[in-house]
Amino acid sequence: IIVGARNKEFTIELLKKYNMDHVIL
């Protein structure tokens, strides 16, 4: 699984809270 994220509002904080590896696109 690869998760890409748009840095919008608190998206990145949620991904970190749930320990989800991600790449900020």
PDBML (XML) file of the C-alpha atoms, coordinates in Angstrom:
<?xml version="1.0" encoding="UTF-8" ?>
<PDBx:datablock datablockName="MODEL"
   xmlns:PDBx="http://pdbml.pdb.org/schema/pdbx-v50.xsd"
   xmlns:xsi="http://www.w3.org/2001/XMLSchema-instance"
   xsi:schemaLocation="http://pdbml.pdb.org/schema/pdbx-v50.xsd pdbx-v50.xsd">
   <PDBx:atom_siteCategory>
      <PDBx:atom_site id="1">
         <PDBx:B_iso_or_equiv>0.00</PDBx:B_iso_or_equiv>
         <PDBx:Cartn_x>0.000</PDBx:Cartn_x>
         <PDBx:Cartn_y>0.000</PDBx:Cartn_y>
         <PDBx:Cartn_z>0.000</PDBx:Cartn_z>
         <PDBx:auth_asym_id>A</PDBx:auth_asym_id>
         <PDBx:auth_atom_id>CA</PDBx:auth_atom_id>
         <PDBx:auth_comp_id>ILE</PDBx:auth_comp_id>
         <PDBx:auth_seq_id>1</PDBx:auth_seq_id>
         <PDBx:group_PDB>ATOM</PDBx:group_PDB>
         <PDBx:label_alt_id xsi:nil="true" />
         <PDBx:label_asym_id>A</PDBx:label_asym_id>
         <PDBx:label_atom_id>CA</PDBx:label_atom_id>
         <PDBx:label_comp_id>ILE</PDBx:label_comp_id>
         <PDBx:label_entity_id>1</PDBx:label_entity_id>
         <PDBx:label_seq_id>1</PDBx:label_seq_id>
         <PDBx:occupancy>1.00</PDBx:occupancy>
         <PDBx:pdbx_PDB_model_num>1</PDBx:pdbx_PDB_model_num>
         <PDBx:type_symbol>C</PDBx:type_symbol>
      </PDBx:atom_site>
      <PDBx:atom_site id="2">
         <PDBx:B_iso_or_equiv>0.00</PDBx:B_iso_or_equiv>
         <PDBx:Cartn_x>1.217</PDBx:Cartn_x>
         <PDBx:Cartn_y>3.456</PDBx:Cartn_y>
         <PDBx:Cartn_z>-0.923</PDBx:Cartn_z>
         <PDBx:auth_asym_id>A</PDBx:auth_asym_id>
         <PDBx:auth_atom_id>CA</PDBx:auth_atom_id>
         <PDBx:auth_comp_id>ILE</PDBx:auth_comp_id>
         <PDBx:auth_seq_id>2</PDBx:auth_seq_id>
         <PDBx:group_PDB>ATOM</PDBx:group_PDB>
         <PDBx:label_alt_id xsi:nil="true" />
         <PDBx:label_asym_id>A</PDBx:label_asym_id>
         <PDBx:label_atom_id>CA</PDBx:label_atom_id>
         <PDBx:label_comp_id>ILE</PDBx:label_comp_id>
         <PDBx:label_entity_id>1</PDBx:label_entity_id>
         <PDBx:label_seq_id>2</PDBx:label_seq_id>
         <PDBx:occupancy>1.00</PDBx:occupancy>
         <PDBx:pdbx_PDB_model_num>1</PDBx:pdbx_PDB_model_num>
         <PDBx:type_symbol>C</PDBx:type_symbol>
      </PDBx:atom_site>
      <PDBx:atom_site id="3">
         <PDBx:B_iso_or_equiv>0.00</PDBx:B_iso_or_equiv>
         <PDBx:Cartn_x>-0.654</PDBx:Cartn_x>
         <PDBx:Cartn_y>6.458</PDBx:Cartn_y>
         <PDBx:Cartn_z>0.435</PDBx:Cartn_z>
         <PDBx:auth_asym_id>A</PDBx:auth_asym_id>
         <PDBx:auth_atom_id>CA</PDBx:auth_atom_id>
         <PDBx:auth_comp_id>VAL</PDBx:auth_comp_id>
         <PDBx:auth_seq_id>3</PDBx:auth_seq_id>
         <PDBx:group_PDB>ATOM</PDBx:group_PDB>
         <PDBx:label_alt_id xsi:nil="true" />
         <PDBx:label_asym_id>A</PDBx:label_asym_id>
         <PDBx:label_atom_id>CA</PDBx:label_atom_id>
         <PDBx:label_comp_id>VAL</PDBx:label_comp_id>
         <PDBx:label_entity_id>1</PDBx:label_entity_id>
         <PDBx:label_seq_id>3</PDBx:label_seq_id>
         <PDBx:occupancy>1.00</PDBx:occupancy>
         <PDBx:pdbx_PDB_model_num>1</PDBx:pdbx_PDB_model_num>
         <PDBx:type_symbol>C</PDBx:type_symbol>
      </PDBx:atom_site>
      <PDBx:atom_site id="4">
         <PDBx:B_iso_or_equiv>0.00</PDBx:B_iso_or_equiv>
         <PDBx:Cartn_x>-0.277</PDBx:Cartn_x>
         <PDBx:Cartn_y>9.846</PDBx:Cartn_y>
         <PDBx:Cartn_z>-1.190</PDBx:Cartn_z>
         <PDBx:auth_asym_id>A</PDBx:auth_asym_id>
         <PDBx:auth_atom_id>CA</PDBx:auth_atom_id>
         <PDBx:auth_comp_id>GLY</PDBx:auth_comp_id>
         <PDBx:auth_seq_id>4</PDBx:auth_seq_id>
         <PDBx:group_PDB>ATOM</PDBx:group_PDB>
         <PDBx:label_alt_id xsi:nil="true" />
         <PDBx:label_asym_id>A</PDBx:label_asym_id>
         <PDBx:label_atom_id>CA</PDBx:label_atom_id>
         <PDBx:label_comp_id>GLY</PDBx:label_comp_id>
         <PDBx:label_entity_id>1</PDBx:label_entity_id>
         <PDBx:label_seq_id>4</PDBx:label_seq_id>
         <PDBx:occupancy>1.00</PDBx:occupancy>
         <PDBx:pdbx_PDB_model_num>1</PDBx:pdbx_PDB_model_num>
         <PDBx:type_symbol>C</PDBx:type_symbol>
      </PDBx:atom_site>
      <PDBx:atom_site id="5">
         <PDBx:B_iso_or_equiv>0.00</PDBx:B_iso_or_equiv>
         <PDBx:Cartn_x>-1.741</PDBx:Cartn_x>
         <PDBx:Cartn_y>12.884</PDBx:Cartn_y>
         <PDBx:Cartn_z>0.521</PDBx:Cartn_z>
         <PDBx:auth_asym_id>A</PDBx:auth_asym_id>
         <PDBx:auth_atom_id>CA</PDBx:auth_atom_id>
         <PDBx:auth_comp_id>ALA</PDBx:auth_comp_id>
         <PDBx:auth_seq_id>5</PDBx:auth_seq_id>
         <PDBx:group_PDB>ATOM</PDBx:group_PDB>
         <PDBx:label_alt_id xsi:nil="true" />
         <PDBx:label_asym_id>A</PDBx:label_asym_id>
         <PDBx:label_atom_id>CA</PDBx:label_atom_id>
         <PDBx:label_comp_id>ALA</PDBx:label_comp_id>
         <PDBx:label_entity_id>1</PDBx:label_entity_id>
         <PDBx:label_seq_id>5</PDBx:label_seq_id>
         <PDBx:occupancy>1.00</PDBx:occupancy>
         <PDBx:pdbx_PDB_model_num>1</PDBx:pdbx_PDB_model_num>
         <PDBx:type_symbol>C</PDBx:type_symbol>
      </PDBx:atom_site>
      <PDBx:atom_site id="6">
         <PDBx:B_iso_or_equiv>0.00</PDBx:B_iso_or_equiv>
         <PDBx:Cartn_x>-2.677</PDBx:Cartn_x>
         <PDBx:Cartn_y>16.419</PDBx:Cartn_y>
         <PDBx:Cartn_z>-0.291</PDBx:Cartn_z>
         <PDBx:auth_asym_id>A</PDBx:auth_asym_id>
         <PDBx:auth_atom_id>CA</PDBx:auth_atom_id>
         <PDBx:auth_comp_id>ARG</PDBx:auth_comp_id>
         <PDBx:auth_seq_id>6</PDBx:auth_seq_id>
         <PDBx:group_PDB>ATOM</PDBx:group_PDB>
         <PDBx:label_alt_id xsi:nil="true" />
         <PDBx:label_asym_id>A</PDBx:label_asym_id>
         <PDBx:label_atom_id>CA</PDBx:label_atom_id>
         <PDBx:label_comp_id>ARG</PDBx:label_comp_id>
         <PDBx:label_entity_id>1</PDBx:label_entity_id>
         <PDBx:label_seq_id>6</PDBx:label_seq_id>
         <PDBx:occupancy>1.00</PDBx:occupancy>
         <PDBx:pdbx_PDB_model_num>1</PDBx:pdbx_PDB_model_num>
         <PDBx:type_symbol>C</PDBx:type_symbol>
      </PDBx:atom_site>
      <PDBx:atom_site id="7">
         <PDBx:B_iso_or_equiv>0.00</PDBx:B_iso_or_equiv>
         <PDBx:Cartn_x>-1.540</PDBx:Cartn_x>
         <PDBx:Cartn_y>18.669</PDBx:Cartn_y>
         <PDBx:Cartn_z>2.556</PDBx:Cartn_z>
         <PDBx:auth_asym_id>A</PDBx:auth_asym_id>
         <PDBx:auth_atom_id>CA</PDBx:auth_atom_id>
         <PDBx:auth_comp_id>ASN</PDBx:auth_comp_id>
         <PDBx:auth_seq_id>7</PDBx:auth_seq_id>
         <PDBx:group_PDB>ATOM</PDBx:group_PDB>
         <PDBx:label_alt_id xsi:nil="true" />
         <PDBx:label_asym_id>A</PDBx:label_asym_id>
         <PDBx:label_atom_id>CA</PDBx:label_atom_id>
         <PDBx:label_comp_id>ASN</PDBx:label_comp_id>
         <PDBx:label_entity_id>1</PDBx:label_entity_id>
         <PDBx:label_seq_id>7</PDBx:label_seq_id>
         <PDBx:occupancy>1.00</PDBx:occupancy>
         <PDBx:pdbx_PDB_model_num>1</PDBx:pdbx_PDB_model_num>
         <PDBx:type_symbol>C</PDBx:type_symbol>
      </PDBx:atom_site>
      <PDBx:atom_site id="8">
         <PDBx:B_iso_or_equiv>0.00</PDBx:B_iso_or_equiv>
         <PDBx:Cartn_x>-4.951</PDBx:Cartn_x>
         <PDBx:Cartn_y>20.172</PDBx:Cartn_y>
         <PDBx:Cartn_z>3.273</PDBx:Cartn_z>
         <PDBx:auth_asym_id>A</PDBx:auth_asym_id>
         <PDBx:auth_atom_id>CA</PDBx:auth_atom_id>
         <PDBx:auth_comp_id>LYS</PDBx:auth_comp_id>
         <PDBx:auth_seq_id>8</PDBx:auth_seq_id>
         <PDBx:group_PDB>ATOM</PDBx:group_PDB>
         <PDBx:label_alt_id xsi:nil="true" />
         <PDBx:label_asym_id>A</PDBx:label_asym_id>
         <PDBx:label_atom_id>CA</PDBx:label_atom_id>
         <PDBx:label_comp_id>LYS</PDBx:label_comp_id>
         <PDBx:label_entity_id>1</PDBx:label_entity_id>
         <PDBx:label_seq_id>8</PDBx:label_seq_id>
         <PDBx:occupancy>1.00</PDBx:occupancy>
         <PDBx:pdbx_PDB_model_num>1</PDBx:pdbx_PDB_model_num>
         <PDBx:type_symbol>C</PDBx:type_symbol>
      </PDBx:atom_site>
      <PDBx:atom_site id="9">
         <PDBx:B_iso_or_equiv>0.00</PDBx:B_iso_or_equiv>
         <PDBx:Cartn_x>-6.249</PDBx:Cartn_x>
         <PDBx:Cartn_y>21.205</PDBx:Cartn_y>
         <PDBx:Cartn_z>6.682</PDBx:Cartn_z>
         <PDBx:auth_asym_id>A</PDBx:auth_asym_id>
         <PDBx:auth_atom_id>CA</PDBx:auth_atom_id>
         <PDBx:auth_comp_id>GLU</PDBx:auth_comp_id>
         <PDBx:auth_seq_id>9</PDBx:auth_seq_id>
         <PDBx:group_PDB>ATOM</PDBx:group_PDB>
         <PDBx:label_alt_id xsi:nil="true" />
         <PDBx:label_asym_id>A</PDBx:label_asym_id>
         <PDBx:label_atom_id>CA</PDBx:label_atom_id>
         <PDBx:label_comp_id>GLU</PDBx:label_comp_id>
         <PDBx:label_entity_id>1</PDBx:label_entity_id>
         <PDBx:label_seq_id>9</PDBx:label_seq_id>
         <PDBx:occupancy>1.00</PDBx:occupancy>
         <PDBx:pdbx_PDB_model_num>1</PDBx:pdbx_PDB_model_num>
         <PDBx:type_symbol>C</PDBx:type_symbol>
      </PDBx:atom_site>
      <PDBx:atom_site id="10">
         <PDBx:B_iso_or_equiv>0.00</PDBx:B_iso_or_equiv>
         <PDBx:Cartn_x>-5.308</PDBx:Cartn_x>
         <PDBx:Cartn_y>18.407</PDBx:Cartn_y>
         <PDBx:Cartn_z>9.132</PDBx:Cartn_z>
         <PDBx:auth_asym_id>A</PDBx:auth_asym_id>
         <PDBx:auth_atom_id>CA</PDBx:auth_atom_id>
         <PDBx:auth_comp_id>PHE</PDBx:auth_comp_id>
         <PDBx:auth_seq_id>10</PDBx:auth_seq_id>
         <PDBx:group_PDB>ATOM</PDBx:group_PDB>
         <PDBx:label_alt_id xsi:nil="true" />
         <PDBx:label_asym_id>A</PDBx:label_asym_id>
         <PDBx:label_atom_id>CA</PDBx:label_atom_id>
         <PDBx:label_comp_id>PHE</PDBx:label_comp_id>
         <PDBx:label_entity_id>1</PDBx:label_entity_id>
         <PDBx:label_seq_id>10</PDBx:label_seq_id>
         <PDBx:occupancy>1.00</PDBx:occupancy>
         <PDBx:pdbx_PDB_model_num>1</PDBx:pdbx_PDB_model_num>
         <PDBx:type_symbol>C</PDBx:type_symbol>
      </PDBx:atom_site>
      <PDBx:atom_site id="11">
         <PDBx:B_iso_or_equiv>0.00</PDBx:B_iso_or_equiv>
         <PDBx:Cartn_x>-4.947</PDBx:Cartn_x>
         <PDBx:Cartn_y>15.488</PDBx:Cartn_y>
         <PDBx:Cartn_z>6.701</PDBx:Cartn_z>
         <PDBx:auth_asym_id>A</PDBx:auth_asym_id>
         <PDBx:auth_atom_id>CA</PDBx:auth_atom_id>
         <PDBx:auth_comp_id>THR</PDBx:auth_comp_id>
         <PDBx:auth_seq_id>11</PDBx:auth_seq_id>
         <PDBx:group_PDB>ATOM</PDBx:group_PDB>
         <PDBx:label_alt_id xsi:nil="true" />
         <PDBx:label_asym_id>A</PDBx:label_asym_id>
         <PDBx:label_atom_id>CA</PDBx:label_atom_id>
         <PDBx:label_comp_id>THR</PDBx:label_comp_id>
         <PDBx:label_entity_id>1</PDBx:label_entity_id>
         <PDBx:label_seq_id>11</PDBx:label_seq_id>
         <PDBx:occupancy>1.00</PDBx:occupancy>
         <PDBx:pdbx_PDB_model_num>1</PDBx:pdbx_PDB_model_num>
         <PDBx:type_symbol>C</PDBx:type_symbol>
      </PDBx:atom_site>
      <PDBx:atom_site id="12">
         <PDBx:B_iso_or_equiv>0.00</PDBx:B_iso_or_equiv>
         <PDBx:Cartn_x>-1.292</PDBx:Cartn_x>
         <PDBx:Cartn_y>14.857</PDBx:Cartn_y>
         <PDBx:Cartn_z>7.526</PDBx:Cartn_z>
         <PDBx:auth_asym_id>A</PDBx:auth_asym_id>
         <PDBx:auth_atom_id>CA</PDBx:auth_atom_id>
         <PDBx:auth_comp_id>ILE</PDBx:auth_comp_id>
         <PDBx:auth_seq_id>12</PDBx:auth_seq_id>
         <PDBx:group_PDB>ATOM</PDBx:group_PDB>
         <PDBx:label_alt_id xsi:nil="true" />
         <PDBx:label_asym_id>A</PDBx:label_asym_id>
         <PDBx:label_atom_id>CA</PDBx:label_atom_id>
         <PDBx:label_comp_id>ILE</PDBx:label_comp_id>
         <PDBx:label_entity_id>1</PDBx:label_entity_id>
         <PDBx:label_seq_id>12</PDBx:label_seq_id>
         <PDBx:occupancy>1.00</PDBx:occupancy>
         <PDBx:pdbx_PDB_model_num>1</PDBx:pdbx_PDB_model_num>
         <PDBx:type_symbol>C</PDBx:type_symbol>
      </PDBx:atom_site>
      <PDBx:atom_site id="13">
         <PDBx:B_iso_or_equiv>0.00</PDBx:B_iso_or_equiv>
         <PDBx:Cartn_x>-1.946</PDBx:Cartn_x>
         <PDBx:Cartn_y>14.980</PDBx:Cartn_y>
         <PDBx:Cartn_z>11.275</PDBx:Cartn_z>
         <PDBx:auth_asym_id>A</PDBx:auth_asym_id>
         <PDBx:auth_atom_id>CA</PDBx:auth_atom_id>
         <PDBx:auth_comp_id>GLU</PDBx:auth_comp_id>
         <PDBx:auth_seq_id>13</PDBx:auth_seq_id>
         <PDBx:group_PDB>ATOM</PDBx:group_PDB>
         <PDBx:label_alt_id xsi:nil="true" />
         <PDBx:label_asym_id>A</PDBx:label_asym_id>
         <PDBx:label_atom_id>CA</PDBx:label_atom_id>
         <PDBx:label_comp_id>GLU</PDBx:label_comp_id>
         <PDBx:label_entity_id>1</PDBx:label_entity_id>
         <PDBx:label_seq_id>13</PDBx:label_seq_id>
         <PDBx:occupancy>1.00</PDBx:occupancy>
         <PDBx:pdbx_PDB_model_num>1</PDBx:pdbx_PDB_model_num>
         <PDBx:type_symbol>C</PDBx:type_symbol>
      </PDBx:atom_site>
      <PDBx:atom_site id="14">
         <PDBx:B_iso_or_equiv>0.00</PDBx:B_iso_or_equiv>
         <PDBx:Cartn_x>-4.651</PDBx:Cartn_x>
         <PDBx:Cartn_y>12.312</PDBx:Cartn_y>
         <PDBx:Cartn_z>10.897</PDBx:Cartn_z>
         <PDBx:auth_asym_id>A</PDBx:auth_asym_id>
         <PDBx:auth_atom_id>CA</PDBx:auth_atom_id>
         <PDBx:auth_comp_id>LEU</PDBx:auth_comp_id>
         <PDBx:auth_seq_id>14</PDBx:auth_seq_id>
         <PDBx:group_PDB>ATOM</PDBx:group_PDB>
         <PDBx:label_alt_id xsi:nil="true" />
         <PDBx:label_asym_id>A</PDBx:label_asym_id>
         <PDBx:label_atom_id>CA</PDBx:label_atom_id>
         <PDBx:label_comp_id>LEU</PDBx:label_comp_id>
         <PDBx:label_entity_id>1</PDBx:label_entity_id>
         <PDBx:label_seq_id>14</PDBx:label_seq_id>
         <PDBx:occupancy>1.00</PDBx:occupancy>
         <PDBx:pdbx_PDB_model_num>1</PDBx:pdbx_PDB_model_num>
         <PDBx:type_symbol>C</PDBx:type_symbol>
      </PDBx:atom_site>
      <PDBx:atom_site id="15">
         <PDBx:B_iso_or_equiv>0.00</PDBx:B_iso_or_equiv>
         <PDBx:Cartn_x>-2.373</PDBx:Cartn_x>
         <PDBx:Cartn_y>10.071</PDBx:Cartn_y>
         <PDBx:Cartn_z>8.845</PDBx:Cartn_z>
         <PDBx:auth_asym_id>A</PDBx:auth_asym_id>
         <PDBx:auth_atom_id>CA</PDBx:auth_atom_id>
         <PDBx:auth_comp_id>LEU</PDBx:auth_comp_id>
         <PDBx:auth_seq_id>15</PDBx:auth_seq_id>
         <PDBx:group_PDB>ATOM</PDBx:group_PDB>
         <PDBx:label_alt_id xsi:nil="true" />
         <PDBx:label_asym_id>A</PDBx:label_asym_id>
         <PDBx:label_atom_id>CA</PDBx:label_atom_id>
         <PDBx:label_comp_id>LEU</PDBx:label_comp_id>
         <PDBx:label_entity_id>1</PDBx:label_entity_id>
         <PDBx:label_seq_id>15</PDBx:label_seq_id>
         <PDBx:occupancy>1.00</PDBx:occupancy>
         <PDBx:pdbx_PDB_model_num>1</PDBx:pdbx_PDB_model_num>
         <PDBx:type_symbol>C</PDBx:type_symbol>
      </PDBx:atom_site>
      <PDBx:atom_site id="16">
         <PDBx:B_iso_or_equiv>0.00</PDBx:B_iso_or_equiv>
         <PDBx:Cartn_x>0.284</PDBx:Cartn_x>
         <PDBx:Cartn_y>10.379</PDBx:Cartn_y>
         <PDBx:Cartn_z>11.549</PDBx:Cartn_z>
         <PDBx:auth_asym_id>A</PDBx:auth_asym_id>
         <PDBx:auth_atom_id>CA</PDBx:auth_atom_id>
         <PDBx:auth_comp_id>LYS</PDBx:auth_comp_id>
         <PDBx:auth_seq_id>16</PDBx:auth_seq_id>
         <PDBx:group_PDB>ATOM</PDBx:group_PDB>
         <PDBx:label_alt_id xsi:nil="true" />
         <PDBx:label_asym_id>A</PDBx:label_asym_id>
         <PDBx:label_atom_id>CA</PDBx:label_atom_id>
         <PDBx:label_comp_id>LYS</PDBx:label_comp_id>
         <PDBx:label_entity_id>1</PDBx:label_entity_id>
         <PDBx:label_seq_id>16</PDBx:label_seq_id>
         <PDBx:occupancy>1.00</PDBx:occupancy>
         <PDBx:pdbx_PDB_model_num>1</PDBx:pdbx_PDB_model_num>
         <PDBx:type_symbol>C</PDBx:type_symbol>
      </PDBx:atom_site>
      <PDBx:atom_site id="17">
         <PDBx:B_iso_or_equiv>0.00</PDBx:B_iso_or_equiv>
         <PDBx:Cartn_x>-2.273</PDBx:Cartn_x>
         <PDBx:Cartn_y>9.733</PDBx:Cartn_y>
         <PDBx:Cartn_z>14.315</PDBx:Cartn_z>
         <PDBx:auth_asym_id>A</PDBx:auth_asym_id>
         <PDBx:auth_atom_id>CA</PDBx:auth_atom_id>
         <PDBx:auth_comp_id>LYS</PDBx:auth_comp_id>
         <PDBx:auth_seq_id>17</PDBx:auth_seq_id>
         <PDBx:group_PDB>ATOM</PDBx:group_PDB>
         <PDBx:label_alt_id xsi:nil="true" />
         <PDBx:label_asym_id>A</PDBx:label_asym_id>
         <PDBx:label_atom_id>CA</PDBx:label_atom_id>
         <PDBx:label_comp_id>LYS</PDBx:label_comp_id>
         <PDBx:label_entity_id>1</PDBx:label_entity_id>
         <PDBx:label_seq_id>17</PDBx:label_seq_id>
         <PDBx:occupancy>1.00</PDBx:occupancy>
         <PDBx:pdbx_PDB_model_num>1</PDBx:pdbx_PDB_model_num>
         <PDBx:type_symbol>C</PDBx:type_symbol>
      </PDBx:atom_site>
      <PDBx:atom_site id="18">
         <PDBx:B_iso_or_equiv>0.00</PDBx:B_iso_or_equiv>
         <PDBx:Cartn_x>-3.234</PDBx:Cartn_x>
         <PDBx:Cartn_y>6.429</PDBx:Cartn_y>
         <PDBx:Cartn_z>12.665</PDBx:Cartn_z>
         <PDBx:auth_asym_id>A</PDBx:auth_asym_id>
         <PDBx:auth_atom_id>CA</PDBx:auth_atom_id>
         <PDBx:auth_comp_id>TYR</PDBx:auth_comp_id>
         <PDBx:auth_seq_id>18</PDBx:auth_seq_id>
         <PDBx:group_PDB>ATOM</PDBx:group_PDB>
         <PDBx:label_alt_id xsi:nil="true" />
         <PDBx:label_asym_id>A</PDBx:label_asym_id>
         <PDBx:label_atom_id>CA</PDBx:label_atom_id>
         <PDBx:label_comp_id>TYR</PDBx:label_comp_id>
         <PDBx:label_entity_id>1</PDBx:label_entity_id>
         <PDBx:label_seq_id>18</PDBx:label_seq_id>
         <PDBx:occupancy>1.00</PDBx:occupancy>
         <PDBx:pdbx_PDB_model_num>1</PDBx:pdbx_PDB_model_num>
         <PDBx:type_symbol>C</PDBx:type_symbol>
      </PDBx:atom_site>
      <PDBx:atom_site id="19">
         <PDBx:B_iso_or_equiv>0.00</PDBx:B_iso_or_equiv>
         <PDBx:Cartn_x>0.441</PDBx:Cartn_x>
         <PDBx:Cartn_y>5.554</PDBx:Cartn_y>
         <PDBx:Cartn_z>11.955</PDBx:Cartn_z>
         <PDBx:auth_asym_id>A</PDBx:auth_asym_id>
         <PDBx:auth_atom_id>CA</PDBx:auth_atom_id>
         <PDBx:auth_comp_id>ASN</PDBx:auth_comp_id>
         <PDBx:auth_seq_id>19</PDBx:auth_seq_id>
         <PDBx:group_PDB>ATOM</PDBx:group_PDB>
         <PDBx:label_alt_id xsi:nil="true" />
         <PDBx:label_asym_id>A</PDBx:label_asym_id>
         <PDBx:label_atom_id>CA</PDBx:label_atom_id>
         <PDBx:label_comp_id>ASN</PDBx:label_comp_id>
         <PDBx:label_entity_id>1</PDBx:label_entity_id>
         <PDBx:label_seq_id>19</PDBx:label_seq_id>
         <PDBx:occupancy>1.00</PDBx:occupancy>
         <PDBx:pdbx_PDB_model_num>1</PDBx:pdbx_PDB_model_num>
         <PDBx:type_symbol>C</PDBx:type_symbol>
      </PDBx:atom_site>
      <PDBx:atom_site id="20">
         <PDBx:B_iso_or_equiv>0.00</PDBx:B_iso_or_equiv>
         <PDBx:Cartn_x>-0.161</PDBx:Cartn_x>
         <PDBx:Cartn_y>5.473</PDBx:Cartn_y>
         <PDBx:Cartn_z>8.209</PDBx:Cartn_z>
         <PDBx:auth_asym_id>A</PDBx:auth_asym_id>
         <PDBx:auth_atom_id>CA</PDBx:auth_atom_id>
         <PDBx:auth_comp_id>MET</PDBx:auth_comp_id>
         <PDBx:auth_seq_id>20</PDBx:auth_seq_id>
         <PDBx:group_PDB>ATOM</PDBx:group_PDB>
         <PDBx:label_alt_id xsi:nil="true" />
         <PDBx:label_asym_id>A</PDBx:label_asym_id>
         <PDBx:label_atom_id>CA</PDBx:label_atom_id>
         <PDBx:label_comp_id>MET</PDBx:label_comp_id>
         <PDBx:label_entity_id>1</PDBx:label_entity_id>
         <PDBx:label_seq_id>20</PDBx:label_seq_id>
         <PDBx:occupancy>1.00</PDBx:occupancy>
         <PDBx:pdbx_PDB_model_num>1</PDBx:pdbx_PDB_model_num>
         <PDBx:type_symbol>C</PDBx:type_symbol>
      </PDBx:atom_site>
      <PDBx:atom_site id="21">
         <PDBx:B_iso_or_equiv>0.00</PDBx:B_iso_or_equiv>
         <PDBx:Cartn_x>2.978</PDBx:Cartn_x>
         <PDBx:Cartn_y>5.804</PDBx:Cartn_y>
         <PDBx:Cartn_z>6.117</PDBx:Cartn_z>
         <PDBx:auth_asym_id>A</PDBx:auth_asym_id>
         <PDBx:auth_atom_id>CA</PDBx:auth_atom_id>
         <PDBx:auth_comp_id>ASP</PDBx:auth_comp_id>
         <PDBx:auth_seq_id>21</PDBx:auth_seq_id>
         <PDBx:group_PDB>ATOM</PDBx:group_PDB>
         <PDBx:label_alt_id xsi:nil="true" />
         <PDBx:label_asym_id>A</PDBx:label_asym_id>
         <PDBx:label_atom_id>CA</PDBx:label_atom_id>
         <PDBx:label_comp_id>ASP</PDBx:label_comp_id>
         <PDBx:label_entity_id>1</PDBx:label_entity_id>
         <PDBx:label_seq_id>21</PDBx:label_seq_id>
         <PDBx:occupancy>1.00</PDBx:occupancy>
         <PDBx:pdbx_PDB_model_num>1</PDBx:pdbx_PDB_model_num>
         <PDBx:type_symbol>C</PDBx:type_symbol>
      </PDBx:atom_site>
      <PDBx:atom_site id="22">
         <PDBx:B_iso_or_equiv>0.00</PDBx:B_iso_or_equiv>
         <PDBx:Cartn_x>2.371</PDBx:Cartn_x>
         <PDBx:Cartn_y>8.420</PDBx:Cartn_y>
         <PDBx:Cartn_z>3.452</PDBx:Cartn_z>
         <PDBx:auth_asym_id>A</PDBx:auth_asym_id>
         <PDBx:auth_atom_id>CA</PDBx:auth_atom_id>
         <PDBx:auth_comp_id>HIS</PDBx:auth_comp_id>
         <PDBx:auth_seq_id>22</PDBx:auth_seq_id>
         <PDBx:group_PDB>ATOM</PDBx:group_PDB>
         <PDBx:label_alt_id xsi:nil="true" />
         <PDBx:label_asym_id>A</PDBx:label_asym_id>
         <PDBx:label_atom_id>CA</PDBx:label_atom_id>
         <PDBx:label_comp_id>HIS</PDBx:label_comp_id>
         <PDBx:label_entity_id>1</PDBx:label_entity_id>
         <PDBx:label_seq_id>22</PDBx:label_seq_id>
         <PDBx:occupancy>1.00</PDBx:occupancy>
         <PDBx:pdbx_PDB_model_num>1</PDBx:pdbx_PDB_model_num>
         <PDBx:type_symbol>C</PDBx:type_symbol>
      </PDBx:atom_site>
      <PDBx:atom_site id="23">
         <PDBx:B_iso_or_equiv>0.00</PDBx:B_iso_or_equiv>
         <PDBx:Cartn_x>3.956</PDBx:Cartn_x>
         <PDBx:Cartn_y>10.690</PDBx:Cartn_y>
         <PDBx:Cartn_z>0.892</PDBx:Cartn_z>
         <PDBx:auth_asym_id>A</PDBx:auth_asym_id>
         <PDBx:auth_atom_id>CA</PDBx:auth_atom_id>
         <PDBx:auth_comp_id>VAL</PDBx:auth_comp_id>
         <PDBx:auth_seq_id>23</PDBx:auth_seq_id>
         <PDBx:group_PDB>ATOM</PDBx:group_PDB>
         <PDBx:label_alt_id xsi:nil="true" />
         <PDBx:label_asym_id>A</PDBx:label_asym_id>
         <PDBx:label_atom_id>CA</PDBx:label_atom_id>
         <PDBx:label_comp_id>VAL</PDBx:label_comp_id>
         <PDBx:label_entity_id>1</PDBx:label_entity_id>
         <PDBx:label_seq_id>23</PDBx:label_seq_id>
         <PDBx:occupancy>1.00</PDBx:occupancy>
         <PDBx:pdbx_PDB_model_num>1</PDBx:pdbx_PDB_model_num>
         <PDBx:type_symbol>C</PDBx:type_symbol>
      </PDBx:atom_site>
      <PDBx:atom_site id="24">
         <PDBx:B_iso_or_equiv>0.00</PDBx:B_iso_or_equiv>
         <PDBx:Cartn_x>2.926</PDBx:Cartn_x>
         <PDBx:Cartn_y>14.323</PDBx:Cartn_y>
         <PDBx:Cartn_z>0.731</PDBx:Cartn_z>
         <PDBx:auth_asym_id>A</PDBx:auth_asym_id>
         <PDBx:auth_atom_id>CA</PDBx:auth_atom_id>
         <PDBx:auth_comp_id>ILE</PDBx:auth_comp_id>
         <PDBx:auth_seq_id>24</PDBx:auth_seq_id>
         <PDBx:group_PDB>ATOM</PDBx:group_PDB>
         <PDBx:label_alt_id xsi:nil="true" />
         <PDBx:label_asym_id>A</PDBx:label_asym_id>
         <PDBx:label_atom_id>CA</PDBx:label_atom_id>
         <PDBx:label_comp_id>ILE</PDBx:label_comp_id>
         <PDBx:label_entity_id>1</PDBx:label_entity_id>
         <PDBx:label_seq_id>24</PDBx:label_seq_id>
         <PDBx:occupancy>1.00</PDBx:occupancy>
         <PDBx:pdbx_PDB_model_num>1</PDBx:pdbx_PDB_model_num>
         <PDBx:type_symbol>C</PDBx:type_symbol>
      </PDBx:atom_site>
      <PDBx:atom_site id="25">
         <PDBx:B_iso_or_equiv>0.00</PDBx:B_iso_or_equiv>
         <PDBx:Cartn_x>2.094</PDBx:Cartn_x>
         <PDBx:Cartn_y>14.979</PDBx:Cartn_y>
         <PDBx:Cartn_z>-2.895</PDBx:Cartn_z>
         <PDBx:auth_asym_id>A</PDBx:auth_asym_id>
         <PDBx:auth_atom_id>CA</PDBx:auth_atom_id>
         <PDBx:auth_comp_id>LEU</PDBx:auth_comp_id>
         <PDBx:auth_seq_id>25</PDBx:auth_seq_id>
         <PDBx:group_PDB>ATOM</PDBx:group_PDB>
         <PDBx:label_alt_id xsi:nil="true" />
         <PDBx:label_asym_id>A</PDBx:label_asym_id>
         <PDBx:label_atom_id>CA</PDBx:label_atom_id>
         <PDBx:label_comp_id>LEU</PDBx:label_comp_id>
         <PDBx:label_entity_id>1</PDBx:label_entity_id>
         <PDBx:label_seq_id>25</PDBx:label_seq_id>
         <PDBx:occupancy>1.00</PDBx:occupancy>
         <PDBx:pdbx_PDB_model_num>1</PDBx:pdbx_PDB_model_num>
         <PDBx:type_symbol>C</PDBx:type_symbol>
      </PDBx:atom_site>
   </PDBx:atom_siteCategory>
</PDBx:datablock>
